[in-house]
Amino acid sequence: MTIPRPLSRVPVTIPRPLSPCIDSTSSTVTAWTTLFADPQVDQMLALVECAAGCTRDQARGAFKLLFITAHGMASLLANNAMPYNEQECVQMLAGALAGAMSEEG
């Protein structure tokens, strides 16, 4: 999968944080299914679909895997169960994305 650069030609408006299920100012947690029904997530999926040349379902599957992988890494980092290494984190996320796109494609 090759993602063309720059992506600035693809118009996307994201007026609020793209993390509606995690709100540090509230004790409310949005359900997993609600997160992926959010119109802003749909905008992001359209961007991924266009940039990666994949289907919407492939983009959704890749986003779900990246979301849960990033959340797991953040949890481990926050609990000092994993030492922070930016290069390693980037490699893990890139590997998760590559795996998600190859499974779907």
Protein backbone atom coordinates (compact mmCIF):
# COMPACT_ATOMS: atom_id res chain seq x y z
CA MET A 1 0.00 0.00 0.00
CA THR A 2 1.36 3.39 -0.97
CA ILE A 3 -0.08 6.55 0.49
CA PRO A 4 0.50 9.50 -1.86
CA ARG A 5 2.01 12.67 -0.43
CA PRO A 6 0.97 15.37 0.09
CA LEU A 7 -2.54 14.60 1.24
CA SER A 8 -3.34 18.30 1.52
CA ARG A 9 -5.38 18.11 -1.69
CA VAL A 10 -8.05 16.04 0.04
CA PRO A 11 -10.46 18.41 1.87
CA VAL A 12 -11.30 17.21 5.38
CA THR A 13 -12.81 19.27 8.16
CA ILE A 14 -12.41 17.97 11.69
CA PRO A 15 -13.82 20.63 14.03
CA ARG A 16 -13.41 18.65 17.28
CA PRO A 17 -11.12 15.91 18.59
CA LEU A 18 -11.49 12.61 16.72
CA SER A 19 -11.68 10.69 19.96
CA PRO A 20 -15.36 10.89 20.96
CA CYS A 21 -15.18 7.81 23.16
CA ILE A 22 -12.42 9.17 25.38
CA ASP A 23 -13.27 12.44 27.10
CA SER A 24 -11.10 13.31 30.07
CA THR A 25 -13.60 15.95 31.20
CA SER A 26 -16.44 13.46 31.53
CA SER A 27 -17.08 10.11 33.14
CA THR A 28 -19.17 9.13 30.11
CA VAL A 29 -17.67 6.57 27.74
CA THR A 30 -19.09 6.16 24.27
CA ALA A 31 -19.78 2.62 23.10
CA TRP A 32 -17.41 1.09 20.56
CA THR A 33 -20.19 0.84 17.95
CA THR A 34 -21.14 4.49 18.48
CA LEU A 35 -17.55 5.59 17.89
CA PHE A 36 -17.45 4.01 14.46
CA ALA A 37 -20.84 5.46 13.50
CA ASP A 38 -19.60 9.02 14.20
CA PRO A 39 -19.72 11.25 11.06
CA GLN A 40 -16.20 12.52 11.77
CA VAL A 41 -14.87 8.98 11.72
CA ASP A 42 -16.64 8.55 8.39
CA GLN A 43 -14.80 11.63 7.08
CA MET A 44 -11.51 10.15 8.22
CA LEU A 45 -12.37 6.82 6.58
CA ALA A 46 -13.11 8.65 3.32
CA LEU A 47 -9.64 10.21 3.52
CA VAL A 48 -7.99 6.84 4.13
CA GLU A 49 -10.04 5.26 1.33
CA CYS A 50 -8.94 7.96 -1.12
CA ALA A 51 -5.29 8.08 -0.02
CA ALA A 52 -4.72 4.33 0.20
CA GLY A 53 -6.91 3.30 -2.72
CA CYS A 54 -8.87 0.86 -0.60
CA THR A 55 -12.53 0.20 0.12
CA ARG A 56 -14.44 1.84 2.96
CA ASP A 57 -14.62 -1.53 4.73
CA GLN A 58 -10.83 -1.93 4.46
CA ALA A 59 -10.35 1.59 5.83
CA ARG A 60 -12.77 0.88 8.71
CA GLY A 61 -11.01 -2.39 9.57
CA ALA A 62 -7.59 -0.74 9.49
CA PHE A 63 -8.82 2.17 11.64
CA LYS A 64 -10.32 -0.19 14.22
CA LEU A 65 -7.09 -2.16 14.46
CA LEU A 66 -4.96 1.00 14.70
CA PHE A 67 -7.32 2.49 17.30
CA ILE A 68 -7.20 -0.55 19.57
CA THR A 69 -3.42 -0.98 19.06
CA ALA A 70 -2.74 2.67 19.90
CA HIS A 71 -5.06 2.49 22.91
CA GLY A 72 -3.29 -0.62 24.19
CA MET A 73 0.12 0.97 23.75
CA ALA A 74 -1.07 4.14 25.51
CA SER A 75 -2.40 2.08 28.41
CA LEU A 76 0.89 0.21 28.75
CA LEU A 77 2.87 3.45 28.57
CA ALA A 78 0.62 5.21 31.11
CA ASN A 79 1.08 2.34 33.56
CA ASN A 80 4.85 2.22 33.04
CA ALA A 81 4.52 -1.34 31.76
CA MET A 82 6.27 -0.44 28.51
CA PRO A 83 9.25 1.89 28.05
CA TYR A 84 8.57 4.76 25.62
CA ASN A 85 10.43 4.39 22.36
CA GLU A 86 8.95 6.46 19.54
CA GLN A 87 10.58 4.44 16.78
CA GLU A 88 9.26 1.18 18.24
CA CYS A 89 5.75 2.63 18.61
CA VAL A 90 5.77 3.85 15.00
CA GLN A 91 6.97 0.44 13.82
CA MET A 92 4.20 -1.34 15.77
CA LEU A 93 1.51 0.95 14.33
CA ALA A 94 2.92 0.63 10.80
CA GLY A 95 2.98 -3.14 11.18
CA ALA A 96 -0.61 -3.17 12.42
CA LEU A 97 -1.69 -1.02 9.46
CA ALA A 98 0.20 -3.17 6.95
CA GLY A 99 -1.35 -6.31 8.45
CA ALA A 100 -4.84 -4.85 8.41
CA MET A 101 -4.56 -3.77 4.78
CA SER A 102 -3.08 -7.09 3.62
CA GLU A 103 -5.77 -9.11 5.43
CA GLU A 104 -8.57 -7.04 3.93
CA GLY A 105 -7.07 -6.71 0.47
